[in-house]
Amino acid sequence: MISKISIKNIASYGETPAVLETDKKINLVYGLNGTGKTTLSNYLQDKDNDCFSCCSISGLSNEKVLVYNQKFVTDNFYQDTQRGIFSLKDRKSVV
């Protein structure tokens, strides 16, 4: 479970770290445009990326972090074939 995230020196985050501390298993992050939500979600999806070298996260063991953002939508729904999406139709015979 994530207990603390510190983000600095990336996108709209400056030298002074923005710190989010929580004791909850599920967290919903919302805010106005330009406040850093996408940067935060990109960090959670790709913590090892060099652009996040000034950021840190505490409390994670082997938990899977699920992030629903534009990258998730693009990776999972905008492809030539849709994975795992199907429909069932009730076929009634015509007499």
Protein backbone atom coordinates (compact mmCIF):
# COMPACT_ATOMS: atom_id res chain seq x y z
CA MET A 1 0.00 0.00 0.00
CA ILE A 2 1.36 3.41 -0.94
CA SER A 3 1.96 5.54 2.13
CA LYS A 4 3.81 8.52 0.63
CA ILE A 5 4.59 9.98 -2.80
CA SER A 6 6.98 12.86 -3.36
CA ILE A 7 7.20 14.52 -6.78
CA LYS A 8 9.52 17.33 -7.84
CA ASN A 9 11.35 18.74 -10.87
CA ILE A 10 8.99 17.31 -13.48
CA ALA A 11 6.32 19.06 -15.58
CA SER A 12 4.34 21.47 -13.35
CA TYR A 13 6.19 20.33 -10.19
CA GLY A 14 9.10 22.55 -9.16
CA GLU A 15 12.07 22.24 -6.81
CA THR A 16 9.91 22.08 -3.68
CA PRO A 17 8.48 18.55 -3.51
CA ALA A 18 4.73 18.00 -3.63
CA VAL A 19 4.00 15.30 -1.06
CA LEU A 20 0.94 13.08 -0.86
CA GLU A 21 0.60 10.98 2.28
CA THR A 22 -2.17 8.43 2.71
CA ASP A 23 -3.17 5.44 4.79
CA LYS A 24 -5.88 4.27 2.36
CA LYS A 25 -5.73 1.27 0.00
CA ILE A 26 -7.65 3.08 -2.73
CA ASN A 27 -7.07 6.73 -3.59
CA LEU A 28 -8.84 8.95 -6.08
CA VAL A 29 -6.88 11.95 -7.33
CA TYR A 30 -8.81 14.82 -8.88
CA GLY A 31 -8.18 18.48 -9.52
CA LEU A 32 -8.27 21.32 -12.00
CA ASN A 33 -6.45 21.17 -15.34
CA GLY A 34 -2.73 21.80 -15.06
CA THR A 35 -2.39 20.74 -11.43
CA GLY A 36 -0.25 17.64 -12.10
CA LYS A 37 -2.71 14.73 -12.10
CA THR A 38 -1.35 13.28 -15.35
CA THR A 39 2.25 13.64 -14.20
CA LEU A 40 1.38 11.83 -10.97
CA SER A 41 -0.40 9.02 -12.82
CA ASN A 42 2.46 8.69 -15.34
CA TYR A 43 4.89 8.36 -12.44
CA LEU A 44 2.78 5.61 -10.87
CA GLN A 45 2.69 3.75 -14.20
CA ASP A 46 6.40 4.11 -14.97
CA LYS A 47 8.31 4.80 -11.73
CA ASP A 48 11.65 3.68 -13.20
CA ASN A 49 11.64 6.21 -16.04
CA ASP A 50 14.67 8.53 -15.79
CA CYS A 51 12.46 11.63 -16.02
CA PHE A 52 11.12 10.76 -12.54
CA SER A 53 14.57 10.51 -10.92
CA CYS A 54 13.68 13.24 -8.39
CA CYS A 55 10.46 11.51 -7.36
CA SER A 56 9.98 8.88 -4.69
CA ILE A 57 7.33 6.52 -3.41
CA SER A 58 7.11 4.76 -0.03
CA GLY A 59 5.10 1.83 1.21
CA LEU A 60 4.96 -0.39 -1.86
CA SER A 61 5.98 -4.02 -1.59
CA ASN A 62 4.82 -6.16 -4.50
CA GLU A 63 1.37 -4.61 -4.84
CA LYS A 64 0.13 -3.85 -8.32
CA VAL A 65 -0.67 -0.18 -8.83
CA LEU A 66 -3.61 0.36 -11.17
CA VAL A 67 -3.84 3.72 -12.92
CA TYR A 68 -6.74 4.71 -15.16
CA ASN A 69 -5.56 7.64 -17.25
CA GLN A 70 -5.19 8.58 -20.93
CA LYS A 71 -2.19 6.25 -21.36
CA PHE A 72 -4.27 3.33 -20.04
CA VAL A 73 -7.11 4.17 -22.43
CA THR A 74 -4.73 4.48 -25.40
CA ASP A 75 -2.87 1.25 -24.56
CA ASN A 76 -6.02 -0.79 -24.01
CA PHE A 77 -8.74 0.62 -26.25
CA TYR A 78 -7.15 2.21 -29.33
CA GLN A 79 -5.70 -0.78 -31.18
CA ASP A 80 -6.42 -2.66 -34.39
CA THR A 81 -8.04 -5.41 -32.33
CA GLN A 82 -9.78 -5.10 -29.00
CA ARG A 83 -8.58 -7.53 -26.35
CA GLY A 84 -11.24 -9.21 -24.23
CA ILE A 85 -14.21 -7.29 -25.57
CA PHE A 86 -17.07 -9.27 -27.01
CA SER A 87 -20.83 -9.24 -27.13
CA LEU A 88 -23.48 -11.89 -26.72
CA LYS A 89 -26.68 -11.82 -28.69
CA ASP A 90 -29.81 -13.77 -28.01
CA ARG A 91 -30.70 -15.48 -31.27
CA LYS A 92 -34.38 -16.23 -31.55
CA SER A 93 -35.67 -18.33 -34.38
CA VAL A 94 -38.07 -16.67 -36.78
CA VAL A 95 -41.24 -18.65 -37.50
